[in-house]
Amino acid sequence: MFKAFKKWWNYLAAKFNKNFDDRADPAIQLEQALTEAQEDHRRLKEQAVNVIASQKQTELRLNSKLAELEKLNVNARQALVMAADAAKAGDAGKAAQYNSAAETIANQLIQVEKDVDGLKKLVLDSTAAADQAKAAVAQNGRLLQQKLAEKNQLLSKLEQAKMQEQMNKAMNQLGEVVGKDVPSLKEVSDKIDARYAKATASAELESGSVGTSIQEIEMATANLEAQGRLSQMRAELGLNPAPAPAEVTASSSASTASAPTVEPEVEAEPAEQAKPAGA
């Protein structure tokens, strides 16, 4: 039961984290990551400061021990000189006293020398640690600068991505219905194309209809009759010999094949006026 509850809890936690990551603002996440990096750099600098300060303190202790060692050397030598002078002067008590003091100083000198040796080793170690701390801070500082530059680049890419998303959204809206009562541009274009196609089809149908063909035939027949009447009138007036029926037929066929013109109708009017004179 506990294992099942644990699995269920882990599943919910993973689902929550995924939903959070999907909905989180990348700009805020970048700022959080950079803030964390800056905080790490600050802690690293504090640690480096402590290491360097420890190295400085060890150097001060070493310098102090070296000064003490030098002083003990001087005192020990002075005690030996004074013991020798007392012995020459025949003052055995003073000589013994100075020798005892010189021995005490010598013991202190030996201890200080041991301290100096230990401090020298400690100074070397602390100096190496301080150098490593300085190098770590410098390297981390370069990484932080790279992260800052990367942050600016990512923010620029993020802005470009947002602009592209807005453009894509706007382009998608051009092909969709904006509202319930407002048609899209595509629907209006389709409607205009349909009306144009319908009008074109109607015009083609009118141009190729039976009525139009009948009108053309009647016009051609009227032209043939007019040409025949004019030929007959010319023959009666002696203007030119009357053409043979075959020639009239050929002429009428040629006039039928050619496009109808207005010229024969213009000539028909004076011919009709001349008819009573011939009668």
C-alpha atoms as a PDB file:
ATOM      1  CA  MET A   1       0.000   0.000   0.000  1.00  0.00           C
ATOM      2  CA  PHE A   2       2.793   2.401   0.877  1.00  0.00           C
ATOM      3  CA  LYS A   3       4.673   1.583  -2.349  1.00  0.00           C
ATOM      4  CA  ALA A   4       1.552   2.222  -4.426  1.00  0.00           C
ATOM      5  CA  PHE A   5       0.962   5.547  -2.675  1.00  0.00           C
ATOM      6  CA  LYS A   6       4.619   6.466  -3.212  1.00  0.00           C
ATOM      7  CA  LYS A   7       4.396   5.655  -6.920  1.00  0.00           C
ATOM      8  CA  TRP A   8       1.188   7.668  -7.212  1.00  0.00           C
ATOM      9  CA  TRP A   9       2.786  10.598  -5.419  1.00  0.00           C
ATOM     10  CA  ASN A  10       5.874  10.466  -7.631  1.00  0.00           C
ATOM     11  CA  TYR A  11       3.634  10.343 -10.716  1.00  0.00           C
ATOM     12  CA  LEU A  12       1.701  13.404  -9.588  1.00  0.00           C
ATOM     13  CA  ALA A  13       4.934  15.226  -8.799  1.00  0.00           C
ATOM     14  CA  ALA A  14       6.365  14.412 -12.243  1.00  0.00           C
ATOM     15  CA  LYS A  15       3.128  15.490 -13.922  1.00  0.00           C
ATOM     16  CA  PHE A  16       3.076  18.739 -11.975  1.00  0.00           C
ATOM     17  CA  ASN A  17       6.703  19.428 -12.867  1.00  0.00           C
ATOM     18  CA  LYS A  18       6.013  18.775 -16.554  1.00  0.00           C
ATOM     19  CA  ASN A  19       2.980  21.061 -16.567  1.00  0.00           C
ATOM     20  CA  PHE A  20       4.985  23.695 -14.741  1.00  0.00           C
ATOM     21  CA  ASP A  21       7.854  23.465 -17.232  1.00  0.00           C
ATOM     22  CA  ASP A  22       5.435  23.682 -20.171  1.00  0.00           C
ATOM     23  CA  ARG A  23       3.701  26.773 -18.810  1.00  0.00           C
ATOM     24  CA  ALA A  24       6.721  28.506 -17.294  1.00  0.00           C
ATOM     25  CA  ASP A  25       8.034  31.660 -18.924  1.00  0.00           C
ATOM     26  CA  PRO A  26      11.498  30.962 -20.427  1.00  0.00           C
ATOM     27  CA  ALA A  27      12.623  34.521 -19.651  1.00  0.00           C
ATOM     28  CA  ILE A  28      11.867  34.036 -15.941  1.00  0.00           C
ATOM     29  CA  GLN A  29      13.585  30.633 -15.976  1.00  0.00           C
ATOM     30  CA  LEU A  30      16.662  32.212 -17.562  1.00  0.00           C
ATOM     31  CA  GLU A  31      16.679  34.871 -14.864  1.00  0.00           C
ATOM     32  CA  GLN A  32      16.376  32.190 -12.174  1.00  0.00           C
ATOM     33  CA  ALA A  33      19.247  30.180 -13.665  1.00  0.00           C
ATOM     34  CA  LEU A  34      21.444  33.269 -13.907  1.00  0.00           C
ATOM     35  CA  THR A  35      20.572  34.300 -10.359  1.00  0.00           C
ATOM     36  CA  GLU A  36      21.538  30.843  -9.122  1.00  0.00           C
ATOM     37  CA  ALA A  37      24.832  31.043 -11.048  1.00  0.00           C
ATOM     38  CA  GLN A  38      25.545  34.462  -9.537  1.00  0.00           C
ATOM     39  CA  GLU A  39      24.760  33.113  -6.073  1.00  0.00           C
ATOM     40  CA  ASP A  40      27.158  30.194  -6.620  1.00  0.00           C
ATOM     41  CA  HIS A  41      29.839  32.621  -7.736  1.00  0.00           C
ATOM     42  CA  ARG A  42      29.262  34.734  -4.636  1.00  0.00           C
ATOM     43  CA  ARG A  43      29.603  31.686  -2.353  1.00  0.00           C
ATOM     44  CA  LEU A  44      32.740  30.600  -4.206  1.00  0.00           C
ATOM     45  CA  LYS A  45      34.260  34.041  -3.725  1.00  0.00           C
ATOM     46  CA  GLU A  46      33.476  33.924  -0.003  1.00  0.00           C
ATOM     47  CA  GLN A  47      35.185  30.542   0.296  1.00  0.00           C
ATOM     48  CA  ALA A  48      38.165  31.819  -1.667  1.00  0.00           C
ATOM     49  CA  VAL A  49      38.362  34.861   0.596  1.00  0.00           C
ATOM     50  CA  ASN A  50      38.426  32.586   3.648  1.00  0.00           C
ATOM     51  CA  VAL A  51      41.185  30.432   2.141  1.00  0.00           C
ATOM     52  CA  ILE A  52      43.282  33.449   1.189  1.00  0.00           C
ATOM     53  CA  ALA A  53      42.705  35.021   4.615  1.00  0.00           C
ATOM     54  CA  SER A  54      43.853  31.791   6.278  1.00  0.00           C
ATOM     55  CA  GLN A  55      46.971  31.819   4.119  1.00  0.00           C
ATOM     56  CA  LYS A  56      47.667  35.427   5.121  1.00  0.00           C
ATOM     57  CA  GLN A  57      47.193  34.602   8.804  1.00  0.00           C
ATOM     58  CA  THR A  58      49.594  31.654   8.512  1.00  0.00           C
ATOM     59  CA  GLU A  59      52.182  33.920   6.911  1.00  0.00           C
ATOM     60  CA  LEU A  60      51.778  36.414   9.768  1.00  0.00           C
ATOM     61  CA  ARG A  61      52.222  33.633  12.346  1.00  0.00           C
ATOM     62  CA  LEU A  62      55.310  32.402  10.514  1.00  0.00           C
ATOM     63  CA  ASN A  63      56.798  35.880  10.409  1.00  0.00           C
ATOM     64  CA  SER A  64      56.076  36.240  14.130  1.00  0.00           C
ATOM     65  CA  LYS A  65      57.757  32.902  14.921  1.00  0.00           C
ATOM     66  CA  LEU A  66      60.733  33.827  12.786  1.00  0.00           C
ATOM     67  CA  ALA A  67      61.100  37.062  14.696  1.00  0.00           C
ATOM     68  CA  GLU A  68      60.806  35.144  17.970  1.00  0.00           C
ATOM     69  CA  LEU A  69      63.367  32.620  16.777  1.00  0.00           C
ATOM     70  CA  GLU A  70      65.785  35.376  15.918  1.00  0.00           C
ATOM     71  CA  LYS A  71      65.275  36.954  19.324  1.00  0.00           C
ATOM     72  CA  LEU A  72      65.852  33.617  21.122  1.00  0.00           C
ATOM     73  CA  ASN A  73      69.038  33.098  19.172  1.00  0.00           C
ATOM     74  CA  VAL A  74      70.286  36.491  20.265  1.00  0.00           C
ATOM     75  CA  ASN A  75      69.296  35.851  23.883  1.00  0.00           C
ATOM     76  CA  ALA A  76      70.875  32.438  23.956  1.00  0.00           C
ATOM     77  CA  ARG A  77      74.129  33.811  22.592  1.00  0.00           C
ATOM     78  CA  GLN A  78      74.037  36.691  25.051  1.00  0.00           C
ATOM     79  CA  ALA A  79      73.493  34.298  27.963  1.00  0.00           C
ATOM     80  CA  LEU A  80      76.424  32.172  26.911  1.00  0.00           C
ATOM     81  CA  VAL A  81      78.630  35.258  26.611  1.00  0.00           C
ATOM     82  CA  MET A  82      77.575  36.496  30.025  1.00  0.00           C
ATOM     83  CA  ALA A  83      78.125  33.033  31.549  1.00  0.00           C
ATOM     84  CA  ALA A  84      81.618  32.954  30.088  1.00  0.00           C
ATOM     85  CA  ASP A  85      82.378  36.446  31.390  1.00  0.00           C
ATOM     86  CA  ALA A  86      81.137  35.466  34.876  1.00  0.00           C
ATOM     87  CA  ALA A  87      83.291  32.370  34.810  1.00  0.00           C
ATOM     88  CA  LYS A  88      86.325  34.441  33.874  1.00  0.00           C
ATOM     89  CA  ALA A  89      85.539  36.845  36.673  1.00  0.00           C
ATOM     90  CA  GLY A  90      85.458  33.905  39.089  1.00  0.00           C
ATOM     91  CA  ASP A  91      81.789  34.279  39.829  1.00  0.00           C
ATOM     92  CA  ALA A  92      80.660  30.669  39.644  1.00  0.00           C
ATOM     93  CA  GLY A  93      77.113  31.448  40.794  1.00  0.00           C
ATOM     94  CA  LYS A  94      76.545  33.982  38.106  1.00  0.00           C
ATOM     95  CA  ALA A  95      78.098  31.681  35.532  1.00  0.00           C
ATOM     96  CA  ALA A  96      75.788  28.821  36.555  1.00  0.00           C
ATOM     97  CA  GLN A  97      72.802  31.154  36.502  1.00  0.00           C
ATOM     98  CA  TYR A  98      73.617  32.403  33.004  1.00  0.00           C
ATOM     99  CA  ASN A  99      74.229  28.874  31.759  1.00  0.00           C
ATOM    100  CA  SER A 100      70.875  27.791  33.141  1.00  0.00           C
ATOM    101  CA  ALA A 101      69.186  30.714  31.413  1.00  0.00           C
ATOM    102  CA  ALA A 102      70.977  29.879  28.173  1.00  0.00           C
ATOM    103  CA  GLU A 103      69.763  26.281  28.456  1.00  0.00           C
ATOM    104  CA  THR A 104      66.170  27.436  28.976  1.00  0.00           C
ATOM    105  CA  ILE A 105      66.449  29.745  26.009  1.00  0.00           C
ATOM    106  CA  ALA A 106      67.899  26.908  23.944  1.00  0.00           C
ATOM    107  CA  ASN A 107      64.894  24.709  24.777  1.00  0.00           C
ATOM    108  CA  GLN A 108      62.557  27.492  23.732  1.00  0.00           C
ATOM    109  CA  LEU A 109      64.614  27.974  20.602  1.00  0.00           C
ATOM    110  CA  ILE A 110      64.229  24.320  19.659  1.00  0.00           C
ATOM    111  CA  GLN A 111      60.450  24.490  20.143  1.00  0.00           C
ATOM    112  CA  VAL A 112      60.166  27.664  18.122  1.00  0.00           C
ATOM    113  CA  GLU A 113      62.231  26.105  15.348  1.00  0.00           C
ATOM    114  CA  LYS A 114      59.753  23.202  15.258  1.00  0.00           C
ATOM    115  CA  ASP A 115      56.897  25.676  15.116  1.00  0.00           C
ATOM    116  CA  VAL A 116      58.601  27.531  12.312  1.00  0.00           C
ATOM    117  CA  ASP A 117      59.058  24.325  10.319  1.00  0.00           C
ATOM    118  CA  GLY A 118      55.383  23.454  10.778  1.00  0.00           C
ATOM    119  CA  LEU A 119      54.289  26.952   9.843  1.00  0.00           C
ATOM    120  CA  LYS A 120      56.465  26.913   6.746  1.00  0.00           C
ATOM    121  CA  LYS A 121      54.754  23.727   5.561  1.00  0.00           C
ATOM    122  CA  LEU A 122      51.373  25.192   6.447  1.00  0.00           C
ATOM    123  CA  VAL A 123      52.175  28.370   4.545  1.00  0.00           C
ATOM    124  CA  LEU A 124      53.094  26.350   1.466  1.00  0.00           C
ATOM    125  CA  ASP A 125      49.853  24.380   1.659  1.00  0.00           C
ATOM    126  CA  SER A 126      47.729  27.464   2.301  1.00  0.00           C
ATOM    127  CA  THR A 127      49.451  29.315  -0.539  1.00  0.00           C
ATOM    128  CA  ALA A 128      48.654  26.467  -2.934  1.00  0.00           C
ATOM    129  CA  ALA A 129      45.054  26.431  -1.684  1.00  0.00           C
ATOM    130  CA  ALA A 130      44.825  30.191  -2.114  1.00  0.00           C
ATOM    131  CA  ASP A 131      46.157  29.952  -5.662  1.00  0.00           C
ATOM    132  CA  GLN A 132      43.587  27.244  -6.443  1.00  0.00           C
ATOM    133  CA  ALA A 133      40.831  29.377  -4.935  1.00  0.00           C
ATOM    134  CA  LYS A 134      41.894  32.365  -7.032  1.00  0.00           C
ATOM    135  CA  ALA A 135      41.965  30.223 -10.173  1.00  0.00           C
ATOM    136  CA  ALA A 136      38.543  28.782  -9.354  1.00  0.00           C
ATOM    137  CA  VAL A 137      37.076  32.237  -8.852  1.00  0.00           C
ATOM    138  CA  ALA A 138      38.602  33.483 -12.104  1.00  0.00           C
ATOM    139  CA  GLN A 139      37.341  30.473 -14.052  1.00  0.00           C
ATOM    140  CA  ASN A 140      33.887  30.705 -12.524  1.00  0.00           C
ATOM    141  CA  GLY A 141      33.851  34.419 -13.330  1.00  0.00           C
ATOM    142  CA  ARG A 142      34.538  33.641 -16.997  1.00  0.00           C
ATOM    143  CA  LEU A 143      31.774  31.033 -16.976  1.00  0.00           C
ATOM    144  CA  LEU A 144      29.428  33.559 -15.424  1.00  0.00           C
ATOM    145  CA  GLN A 145      30.243  36.067 -18.146  1.00  0.00           C
ATOM    146  CA  GLN A 146      29.580  33.385 -20.762  1.00  0.00           C
ATOM    147  CA  LYS A 147      26.247  32.642 -19.118  1.00  0.00           C
ATOM    148  CA  LEU A 148      25.385  36.332 -19.178  1.00  0.00           C
ATOM    149  CA  ALA A 149      26.177  36.494 -22.894  1.00  0.00           C
ATOM    150  CA  GLU A 150      24.249  33.272 -23.478  1.00  0.00           C
ATOM    151  CA  LYS A 151      21.321  34.716 -21.549  1.00  0.00           C
ATOM    152  CA  ASN A 152      21.229  37.750 -23.846  1.00  0.00           C
ATOM    153  CA  GLN A 153      21.359  35.509 -26.918  1.00  0.00           C
ATOM    154  CA  LEU A 154      18.588  33.275 -25.583  1.00  0.00           C
ATOM    155  CA  LEU A 155      16.439  36.275 -24.728  1.00  0.00           C
ATOM    156  CA  SER A 156      16.927  37.568 -28.272  1.00  0.00           C
ATOM    157  CA  LYS A 157      15.944  34.156 -29.675  1.00  0.00           C
ATOM    158  CA  LEU A 158      12.955  34.101 -27.344  1.00  0.00           C
ATOM    159  CA  GLU A 159      11.777  37.467 -28.646  1.00  0.00           C
ATOM    160  CA  GLN A 160      12.208  36.233 -32.219  1.00  0.00           C
ATOM    161  CA  ALA A 161      10.245  33.085 -31.381  1.00  0.00           C
ATOM    162  CA  LYS A 162       7.436  35.155 -29.857  1.00  0.00           C
ATOM    163  CA  MET A 163       7.302  37.391 -32.937  1.00  0.00           C
ATOM    164  CA  GLN A 164       7.231  34.350 -35.214  1.00  0.00           C
ATOM    165  CA  GLU A 165       4.435  32.801 -33.144  1.00  0.00           C
ATOM    166  CA  GLN A 166       2.422  36.007 -33.391  1.00  0.00           C
ATOM    167  CA  MET A 167       2.974  36.120 -37.160  1.00  0.00           C
ATOM    168  CA  ASN A 168       1.921  32.475 -37.488  1.00  0.00           C
ATOM    169  CA  LYS A 169      -1.172  33.153 -35.395  1.00  0.00           C
ATOM    170  CA  ALA A 170      -2.066  36.163 -37.541  1.00  0.00           C
ATOM    171  CA  MET A 171      -1.566  34.167 -40.755  1.00  0.00           C
ATOM    172  CA  ASN A 172      -3.754  31.364 -39.404  1.00  0.00           C
ATOM    173  CA  GLN A 173      -6.478  33.851 -38.527  1.00  0.00           C
ATOM    174  CA  LEU A 174      -6.491  35.112 -42.121  1.00  0.00           C
ATOM    175  CA  GLY A 175      -7.722  31.695 -43.231  1.00  0.00           C
ATOM    176  CA  GLU A 176     -10.239  31.208 -40.439  1.00  0.00           C
ATOM    177  CA  VAL A 177     -13.534  32.806 -39.471  1.00  0.00           C
ATOM    178  CA  VAL A 178     -12.861  35.788 -37.241  1.00  0.00           C
ATOM    179  CA  GLY A 179     -16.369  35.853 -35.764  1.00  0.00           C
ATOM    180  CA  LYS A 180     -19.791  34.321 -36.217  1.00  0.00           C
ATOM    181  CA  ASP A 181     -21.068  37.159 -38.469  1.00  0.00           C
ATOM    182  CA  VAL A 182     -17.790  38.094 -40.131  1.00  0.00           C
ATOM    183  CA  PRO A 183     -16.552  35.939 -43.062  1.00  0.00           C
ATOM    184  CA  SER A 184     -12.900  35.261 -43.646  1.00  0.00           C
ATOM    185  CA  LEU A 185     -10.921  36.597 -46.588  1.00  0.00           C
ATOM    186  CA  LYS A 186     -10.878  33.140 -48.140  1.00  0.00           C
ATOM    187  CA  GLU A 187     -14.673  32.910 -48.037  1.00  0.00           C
ATOM    188  CA  VAL A 188     -15.038  36.356 -49.647  1.00  0.00           C
ATOM    189  CA  SER A 189     -12.497  35.390 -52.342  1.00  0.00           C
ATOM    190  CA  ASP A 190     -14.363  32.136 -53.061  1.00  0.00           C
ATOM    191  CA  LYS A 191     -17.662  34.050 -53.341  1.00  0.00           C
ATOM    192  CA  ILE A 192     -16.179  36.571 -55.793  1.00  0.00           C
ATOM    193  CA  ASP A 193     -14.653  33.769 -57.882  1.00  0.00           C
ATOM    194  CA  ALA A 194     -18.011  31.974 -57.997  1.00  0.00           C
ATOM    195  CA  ARG A 195     -19.834  35.115 -59.181  1.00  0.00           C
ATOM    196  CA  TYR A 196     -17.182  35.785 -61.825  1.00  0.00           C
ATOM    197  CA  ALA A 197     -17.358  32.206 -63.095  1.00  0.00           C
ATOM    198  CA  LYS A 198     -21.169  32.382 -63.255  1.00  0.00           C
ATOM    199  CA  ALA A 199     -21.119  35.683 -65.159  1.00  0.00           C
ATOM    200  CA  THR A 200     -18.537  34.352 -67.614  1.00  0.00           C
ATOM    201  CA  ALA A 201     -20.526  31.191 -68.212  1.00  0.00           C
ATOM    202  CA  SER A 202     -23.709  33.224 -68.835  1.00  0.00           C
ATOM    203  CA  ALA A 203     -21.900  35.421 -71.355  1.00  0.00           C
ATOM    204  CA  GLU A 204     -20.543  32.380 -73.206  1.00  0.00           C
ATOM    205  CA  LEU A 205     -23.998  30.839 -73.229  1.00  0.00           C
ATOM    206  CA  GLU A 206     -25.562  34.009 -74.664  1.00  0.00           C
ATOM    207  CA  SER A 207     -22.896  34.276 -77.360  1.00  0.00           C
ATOM    208  CA  GLY A 208     -23.462  30.698 -78.478  1.00  0.00           C
ATOM    209  CA  SER A 209     -27.299  30.551 -78.144  1.00  0.00           C
ATOM    210  CA  VAL A 210     -29.783  29.484 -80.889  1.00  0.00           C
ATOM    211  CA  GLY A 211     -31.329  32.950 -81.064  1.00  0.00           C
ATOM    212  CA  THR A 212     -28.024  34.482 -81.964  1.00  0.00           C
ATOM    213  CA  SER A 213     -27.470  31.906 -84.680  1.00  0.00           C
ATOM    214  CA  ILE A 214     -30.923  32.588 -86.119  1.00  0.00           C
ATOM    215  CA  GLN A 215     -30.231  36.312 -86.218  1.00  0.00           C
ATOM    216  CA  GLU A 216     -26.992  35.709 -88.104  1.00  0.00           C
ATOM    217  CA  ILE A 217     -28.794  33.473 -90.601  1.00  0.00           C
ATOM    218  CA  GLU A 218     -31.551  36.060 -91.185  1.00  0.00           C
ATOM    219  CA  MET A 219     -28.973  38.802 -91.702  1.00  0.00           C
ATOM    220  CA  ALA A 220     -27.116  36.633 -94.236  1.00  0.00           C
ATOM    221  CA  THR A 221     -30.388  35.855 -96.083  1.00  0.00           C
ATOM    222  CA  ALA A 222     -31.328  39.543 -96.206  1.00  0.00           C
ATOM    223  CA  ASN A 223     -27.929  40.371 -97.648  1.00  0.00           C
ATOM    224  CA  LEU A 224     -28.349  37.733-100.355  1.00  0.00           C
ATOM    225  CA  GLU A 225     -31.750  39.093-101.368  1.00  0.00           C
ATOM    226  CA  ALA A 226     -30.450  42.641-101.449  1.00  0.00           C
ATOM    227  CA  GLN A 227     -27.491  41.647-103.640  1.00  0.00           C
ATOM    228  CA  GLY A 228     -29.790  39.795-106.006  1.00  0.00           C
ATOM    229  CA  ARG A 229     -32.187  42.728-106.271  1.00  0.00           C
ATOM    230  CA  LEU A 230     -29.334  45.154-106.953  1.00  0.00           C
ATOM    231  CA  SER A 231     -27.950  42.914-109.688  1.00  0.00           C
ATOM    232  CA  GLN A 232     -31.368  42.777-111.325  1.00  0.00           C
ATOM    233  CA  MET A 233     -31.743  46.572-111.209  1.00  0.00           C
ATOM    234  CA  ARG A 234     -28.295  47.084-112.714  1.00  0.00           C
ATOM    235  CA  ALA A 235     -29.243  44.753-115.553  1.00  0.00           C
ATOM    236  CA  GLU A 236     -32.510  46.586-116.212  1.00  0.00           C
ATOM    237  CA  LEU A 237     -30.718  49.954-116.238  1.00  0.00           C
ATOM    238  CA  GLY A 238     -27.997  48.623-118.486  1.00  0.00           C
ATOM    239  CA  LEU A 239     -25.285  49.383-116.031  1.00  0.00           C
ATOM    240  CA  ASN A 240     -23.793  45.921-116.264  1.00  0.00           C
ATOM    241  CA  PRO A 241     -24.882  42.595-117.650  1.00  0.00           C
ATOM    242  CA  ALA A 242     -26.979  40.437-115.374  1.00  0.00           C
ATOM    243  CA  PRO A 243     -24.847  37.751-113.798  1.00  0.00           C
ATOM    244  CA  ALA A 244     -25.557  34.118-114.386  1.00  0.00           C
ATOM    245  CA  PRO A 245     -27.436  32.219-111.713  1.00  0.00           C
ATOM    246  CA  ALA A 246     -24.277  30.251-110.882  1.00  0.00           C
ATOM    247  CA  GLU A 247     -22.348  33.472-110.431  1.00  0.00           C
ATOM    248  CA  VAL A 248     -25.093  34.869-108.213  1.00  0.00           C
ATOM    249  CA  THR A 249     -25.021  31.711-106.183  1.00  0.00           C
ATOM    250  CA  ALA A 250     -21.227  31.842-105.922  1.00  0.00           C
ATOM    251  CA  SER A 251     -21.389  35.510-105.012  1.00  0.00           C
ATOM    252  CA  SER A 252     -24.032  34.861-102.415  1.00  0.00           C
ATOM    253  CA  SER A 253     -21.976  31.991-100.982  1.00  0.00           C
ATOM    254  CA  ALA A 254     -18.916  34.221-100.769  1.00  0.00           C
ATOM    255  CA  SER A 255     -20.898  36.958 -99.090  1.00  0.00           C
ATOM    256  CA  THR A 256     -22.299  34.398 -96.666  1.00  0.00           C
ATOM    257  CA  ALA A 257     -18.790  33.192 -95.802  1.00  0.00           C
ATOM    258  CA  SER A 258     -17.553  36.726 -95.239  1.00  0.00           C
ATOM    259  CA  ALA A 259     -18.550  38.806 -92.240  1.00  0.00           C
ATOM    260  CA  PRO A 260     -21.773  40.803 -92.776  1.00  0.00           C
ATOM    261  CA  THR A 261     -21.286  44.514 -93.333  1.00  0.00           C
ATOM    262  CA  VAL A 262     -23.507  47.549 -93.358  1.00  0.00           C
ATOM    263  CA  GLU A 263     -22.603  48.566 -96.937  1.00  0.00           C
ATOM    264  CA  PRO A 264     -25.273  46.538 -98.816  1.00  0.00           C
ATOM    265  CA  GLU A 265     -28.065  48.026 -96.717  1.00  0.00           C
ATOM    266  CA  VAL A 266     -26.889  51.541 -97.584  1.00  0.00           C
ATOM    267  CA  GLU A 267     -27.064  50.766-101.351  1.00  0.00           C
ATOM    268  CA  ALA A 268     -30.538  49.164-101.087  1.00  0.00           C
ATOM    269  CA  GLU A 269     -32.295  52.437-100.329  1.00  0.00           C
ATOM    270  CA  PRO A 270     -31.535  54.274-103.648  1.00  0.00           C
ATOM    271  CA  ALA A 271     -32.360  51.098-105.528  1.00  0.00           C
ATOM    272  CA  GLU A 272     -35.837  51.033-104.101  1.00  0.00           C
ATOM    273  CA  GLN A 273     -36.300  54.722-105.016  1.00  0.00           C
ATOM    274  CA  ALA A 274     -35.306  53.979-108.649  1.00  0.00           C
ATOM    275  CA  LYS A 275     -37.874  51.164-108.985  1.00  0.00           C
ATOM    276  CA  PRO A 276     -40.867  53.406-109.910  1.00  0.00           C
ATOM    277  CA  ALA A 277     -38.820  55.119-112.590  1.00  0.00           C
ATOM    278  CA  GLY A 278     -38.108  51.816-114.272  1.00  0.00           C
ATOM    279  CA  ALA A 279     -41.751  50.855-114.098  1.00  0.00           C
END
